[in-house]
Amino acid sequence: MDLRTTIDAAPRSGAASDSWAADFDIVLEPTTGLRAFRFGDLVRFRELLYFLTWRDIKVRYKQTALGAGWAILQPVLAMLLFTVVFGRVAKIGTGGIPYPLFAYVALVPWLFFANGVQLSATSLTINPTLITKVYFPRLYLVMAPIVAGLVDFALALLVLVGMMVWYGVLPSAAGTALLLPFLLLGMMTTVGASTWLAALNVKYRDVRFVVPFLVQILLFATPVVYSTSSVHAPWQMLFGLNPMTSVVEGFRWALAGAPAPHASTVAFSTVVGVGLFVSGFRYFHRTEKDFADLI
């Protein structure tokens, strides 16, 4: 059972009340239900998320030759590689969409997820001093690399807009209106997977070796280099187990003119994504009290 600490400063009466010393009454009381998640602490320490995010942005590009240009170079190089291998050699169908645009519009949300998960998975173990020396919501250490990834996402999105202009592709009005929900689903999936992996990595340090391999497998389990329209109907529900499937297909529909993702697949992916987010949050909270001892 979690304990909550309430500190109430009450100066003593008399001459001692004029001194700098004060009595502190520490009240320990059990917390249950939603109160046990300490949402108030998340609000109270909200500025810390900003400073941790800014720290991650500066560290990521410190002493680099291209700086934030890597946020653009990574998806562009991946797009060129996929265009040669899957567009020219394998000749994967795109439904009339130019393959560079077909691949790049999927890489923008995918790299946001992949980079966020890989950086957040080790965010606790690389900050042992912060965890053992001072109290703050540990969840912010996991969320900071994800929020910082929005900068890379925005820069890559600018290149995508340029590609859409180059190929003369207009975004779908209905799809554009739903672009934000698809992005929110991607963020929830990223946070959910990251909280699970970060908490597990504190206890099992070999998780950091599993994460890069897992991300590589998920790359091909997500329709980044191909479309789910080429997959038979019975298998499309299986693809819905991966929430990033709907995110990638939703971005293609909204920005590149691809067919709209199946409503059943989107609904299934949303349920899985929300479940991953909630379960990851609960597991992180349940194991958070042991982080200082294990790390």
C-alpha atoms as a PDB file:
ATOM      1  CA  MET A   1       0.000   0.000   0.000  1.00  0.00           C
ATOM      2  CA  ASP A   2       1.332   3.428  -0.992  1.00  0.00           C
ATOM      3  CA  LEU A   3       1.842   6.127   1.582  1.00  0.00           C
ATOM      4  CA  ARG A   4       1.360   9.808   0.980  1.00  0.00           C
ATOM      5  CA  THR A   5       3.380  12.382   2.911  1.00  0.00           C
ATOM      6  CA  THR A   6       1.810  15.673   3.953  1.00  0.00           C
ATOM      7  CA  ILE A   7       4.174  18.297   5.379  1.00  0.00           C
ATOM      8  CA  ASP A   8       2.609  21.061   7.401  1.00  0.00           C
ATOM      9  CA  ALA A   9       4.909  23.838   8.639  1.00  0.00           C
ATOM     10  CA  ALA A  10       3.746  25.385  11.938  1.00  0.00           C
ATOM     11  CA  PRO A  11       6.144  27.696  13.806  1.00  0.00           C
ATOM     12  CA  ARG A  12       6.320  27.375  17.562  1.00  0.00           C
ATOM     13  CA  SER A  13       4.780  30.063  19.776  1.00  0.00           C
ATOM     14  CA  GLY A  14       6.864  32.405  21.871  1.00  0.00           C
ATOM     15  CA  ALA A  15      10.391  33.553  21.211  1.00  0.00           C
ATOM     16  CA  ALA A  16      11.095  30.548  19.016  1.00  0.00           C
ATOM     17  CA  SER A  17       8.448  31.682  16.566  1.00  0.00           C
ATOM     18  CA  ASP A  18      10.750  34.489  15.421  1.00  0.00           C
ATOM     19  CA  SER A  19      13.563  32.116  14.575  1.00  0.00           C
ATOM     20  CA  TRP A  20      14.144  30.392  11.266  1.00  0.00           C
ATOM     21  CA  ALA A  21      13.382  27.016  12.786  1.00  0.00           C
ATOM     22  CA  ALA A  22       9.954  25.509  12.383  1.00  0.00           C
ATOM     23  CA  ASP A  23       8.195  22.325  13.341  1.00  0.00           C
ATOM     24  CA  PHE A  24       7.151  20.017  10.532  1.00  0.00           C
ATOM     25  CA  ASP A  25       4.295  17.614  11.153  1.00  0.00           C
ATOM     26  CA  ILE A  26       4.631  14.646   8.816  1.00  0.00           C
ATOM     27  CA  VAL A  27       1.399  12.756   8.367  1.00  0.00           C
ATOM     28  CA  LEU A  28       1.529   9.380   6.649  1.00  0.00           C
ATOM     29  CA  GLU A  29      -1.780   8.140   5.332  1.00  0.00           C
ATOM     30  CA  PRO A  30      -2.716   5.352   2.899  1.00  0.00           C
ATOM     31  CA  THR A  31      -3.936   6.286  -0.548  1.00  0.00           C
ATOM     32  CA  THR A  32      -6.328   4.244  -2.632  1.00  0.00           C
ATOM     33  CA  GLY A  33      -8.197   4.546  -5.893  1.00  0.00           C
ATOM     34  CA  LEU A  34      -7.296   7.281  -8.368  1.00  0.00           C
ATOM     35  CA  ARG A  35      -5.631   9.284  -5.604  1.00  0.00           C
ATOM     36  CA  ALA A  36      -2.905   6.652  -5.453  1.00  0.00           C
ATOM     37  CA  PHE A  37      -1.727   7.719  -8.914  1.00  0.00           C
ATOM     38  CA  ARG A  38      -0.820  11.180  -7.536  1.00  0.00           C
ATOM     39  CA  PHE A  39      -2.148  13.162 -10.488  1.00  0.00           C
ATOM     40  CA  GLY A  40      -1.709  16.267  -8.339  1.00  0.00           C
ATOM     41  CA  ASP A  41       2.066  15.722  -8.356  1.00  0.00           C
ATOM     42  CA  LEU A  42       2.031  15.603 -12.160  1.00  0.00           C
ATOM     43  CA  VAL A  43       0.381  19.020 -12.203  1.00  0.00           C
ATOM     44  CA  ARG A  44       2.567  20.421  -9.422  1.00  0.00           C
ATOM     45  CA  PHE A  45       5.807  19.381 -11.154  1.00  0.00           C
ATOM     46  CA  ARG A  46       4.642  20.206 -14.698  1.00  0.00           C
ATOM     47  CA  GLU A  47       7.483  22.688 -15.222  1.00  0.00           C
ATOM     48  CA  LEU A  48       9.953  19.874 -14.635  1.00  0.00           C
ATOM     49  CA  LEU A  49       8.689  18.167 -17.794  1.00  0.00           C
ATOM     50  CA  TYR A  50       9.609  21.280 -19.750  1.00  0.00           C
ATOM     51  CA  PHE A  51      13.163  21.399 -18.355  1.00  0.00           C
ATOM     52  CA  LEU A  52      13.715  17.652 -18.858  1.00  0.00           C
ATOM     53  CA  THR A  53      12.440  17.933 -22.425  1.00  0.00           C
ATOM     54  CA  TRP A  54      14.673  20.931 -23.162  1.00  0.00           C
ATOM     55  CA  ARG A  55      17.625  19.045 -21.654  1.00  0.00           C
ATOM     56  CA  ASP A  56      16.984  16.061 -23.923  1.00  0.00           C
ATOM     57  CA  ILE A  57      16.750  18.281 -26.992  1.00  0.00           C
ATOM     58  CA  LYS A  58      20.052  20.000 -26.224  1.00  0.00           C
ATOM     59  CA  VAL A  59      21.861  16.755 -25.357  1.00  0.00           C
ATOM     60  CA  ARG A  60      20.580  15.037 -28.497  1.00  0.00           C
ATOM     61  CA  TYR A  61      22.142  17.591 -30.836  1.00  0.00           C
ATOM     62  CA  LYS A  62      25.061  18.805 -28.737  1.00  0.00           C
ATOM     63  CA  GLN A  63      28.387  18.760 -30.604  1.00  0.00           C
ATOM     64  CA  THR A  64      26.816  17.382 -33.793  1.00  0.00           C
ATOM     65  CA  ALA A  65      27.771  18.540 -37.269  1.00  0.00           C
ATOM     66  CA  LEU A  66      24.224  18.794 -38.613  1.00  0.00           C
ATOM     67  CA  GLY A  67      22.372  19.560 -35.392  1.00  0.00           C
ATOM     68  CA  ALA A  68      18.619  19.300 -35.819  1.00  0.00           C
ATOM     69  CA  GLY A  69      19.262  18.378 -39.459  1.00  0.00           C
ATOM     70  CA  TRP A  70      19.448  14.767 -38.317  1.00  0.00           C
ATOM     71  CA  ALA A  71      15.709  14.926 -37.687  1.00  0.00           C
ATOM     72  CA  ILE A  72      15.292  15.465 -41.431  1.00  0.00           C
ATOM     73  CA  LEU A  73      18.156  13.304 -42.672  1.00  0.00           C
ATOM     74  CA  GLN A  74      16.972  10.149 -40.884  1.00  0.00           C
ATOM     75  CA  PRO A  75      13.564   9.836 -42.561  1.00  0.00           C
ATOM     76  CA  VAL A  76      14.905  11.088 -45.912  1.00  0.00           C
ATOM     77  CA  LEU A  77      17.653   8.438 -46.047  1.00  0.00           C
ATOM     78  CA  ALA A  78      15.217   5.732 -44.975  1.00  0.00           C
ATOM     79  CA  MET A  79      12.800   6.886 -47.670  1.00  0.00           C
ATOM     80  CA  LEU A  80      15.495   6.724 -50.347  1.00  0.00           C
ATOM     81  CA  LEU A  81      16.520   3.216 -49.252  1.00  0.00           C
ATOM     82  CA  PHE A  82      12.926   1.952 -49.198  1.00  0.00           C
ATOM     83  CA  THR A  83      12.258   3.532 -52.598  1.00  0.00           C
ATOM     84  CA  VAL A  84      15.144   1.649 -54.195  1.00  0.00           C
ATOM     85  CA  VAL A  85      14.557  -1.704 -52.475  1.00  0.00           C
ATOM     86  CA  PHE A  86      10.777  -1.897 -52.236  1.00  0.00           C
ATOM     87  CA  GLY A  87       9.664   0.611 -54.879  1.00  0.00           C
ATOM     88  CA  ARG A  88      12.086  -0.161 -57.708  1.00  0.00           C
ATOM     89  CA  VAL A  89      13.242  -3.734 -57.028  1.00  0.00           C
ATOM     90  CA  ALA A  90      10.275  -5.348 -55.245  1.00  0.00           C
ATOM     91  CA  LYS A  91       7.789  -3.069 -57.063  1.00  0.00           C
ATOM     92  CA  ILE A  92       5.322  -2.961 -54.183  1.00  0.00           C
ATOM     93  CA  GLY A  93       1.996  -1.450 -55.176  1.00  0.00           C
ATOM     94  CA  THR A  94       1.071   1.945 -53.774  1.00  0.00           C
ATOM     95  CA  GLY A  95      -2.318   2.567 -55.383  1.00  0.00           C
ATOM     96  CA  GLY A  96      -0.965   5.255 -57.678  1.00  0.00           C
ATOM     97  CA  ILE A  97       0.896   7.220 -54.990  1.00  0.00           C
ATOM     98  CA  PRO A  98       4.564   7.975 -55.843  1.00  0.00           C
ATOM     99  CA  TYR A  99       6.588   5.560 -53.725  1.00  0.00           C
ATOM    100  CA  PRO A 100       8.862   8.230 -52.139  1.00  0.00           C
ATOM    101  CA  LEU A 101       5.780  10.034 -50.821  1.00  0.00           C
ATOM    102  CA  PHE A 102       4.120   6.713 -49.942  1.00  0.00           C
ATOM    103  CA  ALA A 103       7.078   5.714 -47.772  1.00  0.00           C
ATOM    104  CA  TYR A 104       7.898   9.112 -46.288  1.00  0.00           C
ATOM    105  CA  VAL A 105       4.381   9.896 -45.051  1.00  0.00           C
ATOM    106  CA  ALA A 106       4.483   6.597 -43.116  1.00  0.00           C
ATOM    107  CA  LEU A 107       8.012   7.164 -41.792  1.00  0.00           C
ATOM    108  CA  VAL A 108       7.079  10.474 -40.125  1.00  0.00           C
ATOM    109  CA  PRO A 109       4.792   8.929 -37.446  1.00  0.00           C
ATOM    110  CA  TRP A 110       6.724   5.671 -37.345  1.00  0.00           C
ATOM    111  CA  LEU A 111      10.062   7.294 -36.480  1.00  0.00           C
ATOM    112  CA  PHE A 112       8.340   9.363 -33.808  1.00  0.00           C
ATOM    113  CA  PHE A 113       7.196   6.098 -32.221  1.00  0.00           C
ATOM    114  CA  ALA A 114      10.442   4.179 -32.756  1.00  0.00           C
ATOM    115  CA  ASN A 115      12.779   6.900 -31.472  1.00  0.00           C
ATOM    116  CA  GLY A 116      10.507   7.687 -28.535  1.00  0.00           C
ATOM    117  CA  VAL A 117      10.344   4.073 -27.385  1.00  0.00           C
ATOM    118  CA  GLN A 118      14.078   3.450 -27.750  1.00  0.00           C
ATOM    119  CA  LEU A 119      15.084   6.592 -25.867  1.00  0.00           C
ATOM    120  CA  SER A 120      12.438   6.286 -23.157  1.00  0.00           C
ATOM    121  CA  ALA A 121      13.169   2.618 -22.445  1.00  0.00           C
ATOM    122  CA  THR A 122      16.532   3.551 -20.881  1.00  0.00           C
ATOM    123  CA  SER A 123      15.476   6.936 -19.466  1.00  0.00           C
ATOM    124  CA  LEU A 124      15.315   5.657 -15.880  1.00  0.00           C
ATOM    125  CA  THR A 125      18.552   3.662 -15.769  1.00  0.00           C
ATOM    126  CA  ILE A 126      20.630   6.532 -17.199  1.00  0.00           C
ATOM    127  CA  ASN A 127      19.392   8.906 -14.487  1.00  0.00           C
ATOM    128  CA  PRO A 128      20.117   6.988 -11.260  1.00  0.00           C
ATOM    129  CA  THR A 129      21.175  10.078  -9.295  1.00  0.00           C
ATOM    130  CA  LEU A 130      17.927  11.899  -9.963  1.00  0.00           C
ATOM    131  CA  ILE A 131      15.871   8.897  -8.898  1.00  0.00           C
ATOM    132  CA  THR A 132      17.768   8.121  -5.704  1.00  0.00           C
ATOM    133  CA  LYS A 133      18.426  11.657  -4.453  1.00  0.00           C
ATOM    134  CA  VAL A 134      15.244  13.663  -4.994  1.00  0.00           C
ATOM    135  CA  TYR A 135      11.517  13.091  -5.313  1.00  0.00           C
ATOM    136  CA  PHE A 136       9.574  13.997  -8.445  1.00  0.00           C
ATOM    137  CA  PRO A 137       7.175  12.089 -10.731  1.00  0.00           C
ATOM    138  CA  ARG A 138       9.441   9.537 -12.404  1.00  0.00           C
ATOM    139  CA  LEU A 139       6.968   9.381 -15.264  1.00  0.00           C
ATOM    140  CA  TYR A 140       8.386  12.675 -16.525  1.00  0.00           C
ATOM    141  CA  LEU A 141      11.743  11.019 -17.219  1.00  0.00           C
ATOM    142  CA  VAL A 142       9.945   8.647 -19.581  1.00  0.00           C
ATOM    143  CA  MET A 143       7.807  11.313 -21.191  1.00  0.00           C
ATOM    144  CA  ALA A 144      10.589  13.861 -21.796  1.00  0.00           C
ATOM    145  CA  PRO A 145      12.203  12.018 -24.773  1.00  0.00           C
ATOM    146  CA  ILE A 146       8.749  11.520 -26.290  1.00  0.00           C
ATOM    147  CA  VAL A 147       7.813  15.190 -25.999  1.00  0.00           C
ATOM    148  CA  ALA A 148      11.245  16.137 -27.347  1.00  0.00           C
ATOM    149  CA  GLY A 149      10.528  13.888 -30.321  1.00  0.00           C
ATOM    150  CA  LEU A 150       7.736  16.244 -31.340  1.00  0.00           C
ATOM    151  CA  VAL A 151      10.448  18.671 -32.496  1.00  0.00           C
ATOM    152  CA  ASP A 152      11.843  16.032 -34.862  1.00  0.00           C
ATOM    153  CA  PHE A 153       8.296  15.189 -35.921  1.00  0.00           C
ATOM    154  CA  ALA A 154       7.563  18.825 -36.804  1.00  0.00           C
ATOM    155  CA  LEU A 155      10.775  19.178 -38.830  1.00  0.00           C
ATOM    156  CA  ALA A 156      10.093  15.952 -40.741  1.00  0.00           C
ATOM    157  CA  LEU A 157       6.532  17.133 -41.351  1.00  0.00           C
ATOM    158  CA  LEU A 158       7.837  20.268 -43.062  1.00  0.00           C
ATOM    159  CA  VAL A 159       9.736  18.099 -45.550  1.00  0.00           C
ATOM    160  CA  LEU A 160       6.556  16.094 -46.089  1.00  0.00           C
ATOM    161  CA  VAL A 161       4.656  19.262 -46.970  1.00  0.00           C
ATOM    162  CA  GLY A 162       7.365  20.091 -49.517  1.00  0.00           C
ATOM    163  CA  MET A 163       7.057  16.618 -51.054  1.00  0.00           C
ATOM    164  CA  MET A 164       3.282  16.975 -51.300  1.00  0.00           C
ATOM    165  CA  VAL A 165       3.735  20.251 -53.181  1.00  0.00           C
ATOM    166  CA  TRP A 166       6.342  18.661 -55.458  1.00  0.00           C
ATOM    167  CA  TYR A 167       4.087  15.750 -56.390  1.00  0.00           C
ATOM    168  CA  GLY A 168       0.950  17.897 -56.525  1.00  0.00           C
ATOM    169  CA  VAL A 169      -0.896  15.926 -53.868  1.00  0.00           C
ATOM    170  CA  LEU A 170      -3.645  17.667 -51.929  1.00  0.00           C
ATOM    171  CA  PRO A 171      -4.578  16.440 -48.445  1.00  0.00           C
ATOM    172  CA  SER A 172      -8.014  15.017 -47.790  1.00  0.00           C
ATOM    173  CA  ALA A 173     -10.307  17.435 -45.947  1.00  0.00           C
ATOM    174  CA  ALA A 174     -11.906  14.668 -43.898  1.00  0.00           C
ATOM    175  CA  GLY A 175      -8.558  13.010 -43.272  1.00  0.00           C
ATOM    176  CA  THR A 176      -6.897  16.243 -42.203  1.00  0.00           C
ATOM    177  CA  ALA A 177      -9.639  16.765 -39.622  1.00  0.00           C
ATOM    178  CA  LEU A 178      -8.828  13.334 -38.172  1.00  0.00           C
ATOM    179  CA  LEU A 179      -5.052  13.777 -38.352  1.00  0.00           C
ATOM    180  CA  LEU A 180      -4.842  14.996 -34.748  1.00  0.00           C
ATOM    181  CA  PRO A 181      -6.725  11.942 -33.352  1.00  0.00           C
ATOM    182  CA  PHE A 182      -4.353   9.662 -35.272  1.00  0.00           C
ATOM    183  CA  LEU A 183      -1.394  11.566 -33.813  1.00  0.00           C
ATOM    184  CA  LEU A 184      -2.894  11.263 -30.307  1.00  0.00           C
ATOM    185  CA  LEU A 185      -3.273   7.516 -30.835  1.00  0.00           C
ATOM    186  CA  GLY A 186       0.394   7.360 -31.834  1.00  0.00           C
ATOM    187  CA  MET A 187       1.415   9.329 -28.733  1.00  0.00           C
ATOM    188  CA  MET A 188      -0.671   7.118 -26.442  1.00  0.00           C
ATOM    189  CA  THR A 189       0.868   4.019 -28.002  1.00  0.00           C
ATOM    190  CA  THR A 190       4.363   5.458 -27.601  1.00  0.00           C
ATOM    191  CA  VAL A 191       3.810   6.442 -23.963  1.00  0.00           C
ATOM    192  CA  GLY A 192       2.158   3.119 -23.149  1.00  0.00           C
ATOM    193  CA  ALA A 193       4.950   1.025 -24.666  1.00  0.00           C
ATOM    194  CA  SER A 194       7.622   3.286 -23.126  1.00  0.00           C
ATOM    195  CA  THR A 195       6.249   3.082 -19.581  1.00  0.00           C
ATOM    196  CA  TRP A 196       6.132  -0.693 -19.786  1.00  0.00           C
ATOM    197  CA  LEU A 197       9.676  -1.005 -21.168  1.00  0.00           C
ATOM    198  CA  ALA A 198      11.228   1.652 -18.910  1.00  0.00           C
ATOM    199  CA  ALA A 199       9.811   0.031 -15.773  1.00  0.00           C
ATOM    200  CA  LEU A 200      10.825  -3.443 -16.913  1.00  0.00           C
ATOM    201  CA  ASN A 201      14.324  -2.219 -17.778  1.00  0.00           C
ATOM    202  CA  VAL A 202      14.896  -1.146 -14.168  1.00  0.00           C
ATOM    203  CA  LYS A 203      14.330  -4.723 -13.026  1.00  0.00           C
ATOM    204  CA  TYR A 204      15.623  -6.602 -16.065  1.00  0.00           C
ATOM    205  CA  ARG A 205      18.543  -4.769 -17.642  1.00  0.00           C
ATOM    206  CA  ASP A 206      18.582  -6.965 -20.737  1.00  0.00           C
ATOM    207  CA  VAL A 207      15.422  -5.164 -21.891  1.00  0.00           C
ATOM    208  CA  ARG A 208      17.666  -2.521 -23.438  1.00  0.00           C
ATOM    209  CA  PHE A 209      19.001  -5.194 -25.803  1.00  0.00           C
ATOM    210  CA  VAL A 210      15.516  -6.387 -26.714  1.00  0.00           C
ATOM    211  CA  VAL A 211      14.077  -2.981 -27.563  1.00  0.00           C
ATOM    212  CA  PRO A 212      16.089  -2.281 -30.780  1.00  0.00           C
ATOM    213  CA  PHE A 213      15.302  -5.778 -32.067  1.00  0.00           C
ATOM    214  CA  LEU A 214      11.635  -5.352 -31.155  1.00  0.00           C
ATOM    215  CA  VAL A 215      11.457  -2.033 -33.001  1.00  0.00           C
ATOM    216  CA  GLN A 216      12.977  -3.620 -36.120  1.00  0.00           C
ATOM    217  CA  ILE A 217      10.399  -6.399 -36.051  1.00  0.00           C
ATOM    218  CA  LEU A 218       7.559  -3.910 -35.585  1.00  0.00           C
ATOM    219  CA  LEU A 219       8.806  -1.914 -38.580  1.00  0.00           C
ATOM    220  CA  PHE A 220       7.823  -4.779 -40.877  1.00  0.00           C
ATOM    221  CA  ALA A 221       4.722  -5.599 -38.827  1.00  0.00           C
ATOM    222  CA  THR A 222       3.578  -2.028 -39.514  1.00  0.00           C
ATOM    223  CA  PRO A 223       2.571  -1.055 -43.080  1.00  0.00           C
ATOM    224  CA  VAL A 224       5.427   1.388 -43.596  1.00  0.00           C
ATOM    225  CA  VAL A 225       6.886  -0.105 -46.802  1.00  0.00           C
ATOM    226  CA  TYR A 226       3.608  -1.654 -47.974  1.00  0.00           C
ATOM    227  CA  SER A 227      -0.127  -1.059 -47.646  1.00  0.00           C
ATOM    228  CA  THR A 228      -2.687  -3.105 -45.712  1.00  0.00           C
ATOM    229  CA  SER A 229      -4.843  -3.087 -48.863  1.00  0.00           C
ATOM    230  CA  SER A 230      -2.514  -5.801 -50.170  1.00  0.00           C
ATOM    231  CA  VAL A 231      -3.238  -7.936 -47.103  1.00  0.00           C
ATOM    232  CA  HIS A 232      -6.183 -10.342 -47.112  1.00  0.00           C
ATOM    233  CA  ALA A 233      -9.174  -9.378 -44.968  1.00  0.00           C
ATOM    234  CA  PRO A 234      -8.755 -12.090 -42.280  1.00  0.00           C
ATOM    235  CA  TRP A 235      -5.240 -10.798 -41.559  1.00  0.00           C
ATOM    236  CA  GLN A 236      -6.226  -7.133 -41.331  1.00  0.00           C
ATOM    237  CA  MET A 237      -7.751  -7.595 -37.878  1.00  0.00           C
ATOM    238  CA  LEU A 238      -4.440  -9.105 -36.790  1.00  0.00           C
ATOM    239  CA  PHE A 239      -2.718  -5.968 -38.030  1.00  0.00           C
ATOM    240  CA  GLY A 240      -5.098  -4.030 -35.818  1.00  0.00           C
ATOM    241  CA  LEU A 241      -3.298  -5.451 -32.788  1.00  0.00           C
ATOM    242  CA  ASN A 242      -0.562  -2.981 -33.672  1.00  0.00           C
ATOM    243  CA  PRO A 243      -2.012   0.513 -33.060  1.00  0.00           C
ATOM    244  CA  MET A 244       0.670   2.055 -35.262  1.00  0.00           C
ATOM    245  CA  THR A 245      -0.968   0.337 -38.226  1.00  0.00           C
ATOM    246  CA  SER A 246      -3.956   2.670 -38.007  1.00  0.00           C
ATOM    247  CA  VAL A 247      -1.696   5.658 -37.306  1.00  0.00           C
ATOM    248  CA  VAL A 248       0.417   5.047 -40.422  1.00  0.00           C
ATOM    249  CA  GLU A 249      -2.573   4.275 -42.624  1.00  0.00           C
ATOM    250  CA  GLY A 250      -4.400   7.290 -41.231  1.00  0.00           C
ATOM    251  CA  PHE A 251      -1.504   9.596 -42.135  1.00  0.00           C
ATOM    252  CA  ARG A 252      -1.404   8.155 -45.665  1.00  0.00           C
ATOM    253  CA  TRP A 253      -5.137   8.698 -46.069  1.00  0.00           C
ATOM    254  CA  ALA A 254      -5.060  12.235 -44.721  1.00  0.00           C
ATOM    255  CA  LEU A 255      -1.948  13.515 -46.494  1.00  0.00           C
ATOM    256  CA  ALA A 256      -1.195  11.302 -49.508  1.00  0.00           C
ATOM    257  CA  GLY A 257      -4.608  10.359 -50.870  1.00  0.00           C
ATOM    258  CA  ALA A 258      -4.462   6.679 -49.950  1.00  0.00           C
ATOM    259  CA  PRO A 259      -7.664   4.728 -49.245  1.00  0.00           C
ATOM    260  CA  ALA A 260      -9.141   5.310 -45.792  1.00  0.00           C
ATOM    261  CA  PRO A 261      -8.235   2.663 -43.208  1.00  0.00           C
ATOM    262  CA  HIS A 262     -10.975   0.186 -42.329  1.00  0.00           C
ATOM    263  CA  ALA A 263     -13.187   1.475 -39.513  1.00  0.00           C
ATOM    264  CA  SER A 264     -13.030  -1.907 -37.747  1.00  0.00           C
ATOM    265  CA  THR A 265      -9.230  -1.883 -37.828  1.00  0.00           C
ATOM    266  CA  VAL A 266      -9.104   1.675 -36.476  1.00  0.00           C
ATOM    267  CA  ALA A 267     -11.545   0.802 -33.688  1.00  0.00           C
ATOM    268  CA  PHE A 268      -9.555  -2.302 -32.763  1.00  0.00           C
ATOM    269  CA  SER A 269      -6.265  -0.384 -32.822  1.00  0.00           C
ATOM    270  CA  THR A 270      -7.748   2.363 -30.647  1.00  0.00           C
ATOM    271  CA  VAL A 271      -8.884  -0.147 -28.020  1.00  0.00           C
ATOM    272  CA  VAL A 272      -5.437  -1.773 -28.022  1.00  0.00           C
ATOM    273  CA  GLY A 273      -3.671   1.601 -27.869  1.00  0.00           C
ATOM    274  CA  VAL A 274      -5.772   2.850 -24.964  1.00  0.00           C
ATOM    275  CA  GLY A 275      -5.326  -0.474 -23.179  1.00  0.00           C
ATOM    276  CA  LEU A 276      -1.558  -0.301 -23.648  1.00  0.00           C
ATOM    277  CA  PHE A 277      -1.513   3.266 -22.315  1.00  0.00           C
ATOM    278  CA  VAL A 278      -3.606   2.511 -19.214  1.00  0.00           C
ATOM    279  CA  SER A 279      -1.869  -0.766 -18.389  1.00  0.00           C
ATOM    280  CA  GLY A 280       1.577   0.783 -18.851  1.00  0.00           C
ATOM    281  CA  PHE A 281       0.655   3.669 -16.563  1.00  0.00           C
ATOM    282  CA  ARG A 282      -0.642   1.300 -13.880  1.00  0.00           C
ATOM    283  CA  TYR A 283       2.387  -1.005 -14.072  1.00  0.00           C
ATOM    284  CA  PHE A 284       4.761   1.966 -13.929  1.00  0.00           C
ATOM    285  CA  HIS A 285       2.994   3.327 -10.852  1.00  0.00           C
ATOM    286  CA  ARG A 286       2.961  -0.062  -9.131  1.00  0.00           C
ATOM    287  CA  THR A 287       6.705  -0.583  -9.604  1.00  0.00           C
ATOM    288  CA  GLU A 288       7.791   3.050  -9.124  1.00  0.00           C
ATOM    289  CA  LYS A 289       8.261   2.639  -5.365  1.00  0.00           C
ATOM    290  CA  ASP A 290      11.058   0.095  -6.001  1.00  0.00           C
ATOM    291  CA  PHE A 291      13.029   2.111  -8.570  1.00  0.00           C
ATOM    292  CA  ALA A 292      15.427   3.710  -6.049  1.00  0.00           C
ATOM    293  CA  ASP A 293      16.291   0.315  -4.546  1.00  0.00           C
ATOM    294  CA  LEU A 294      16.763  -1.493  -7.843  1.00  0.00           C
ATOM    295  CA  ILE A 295      18.519   1.153  -9.887  1.00  0.00           C
END
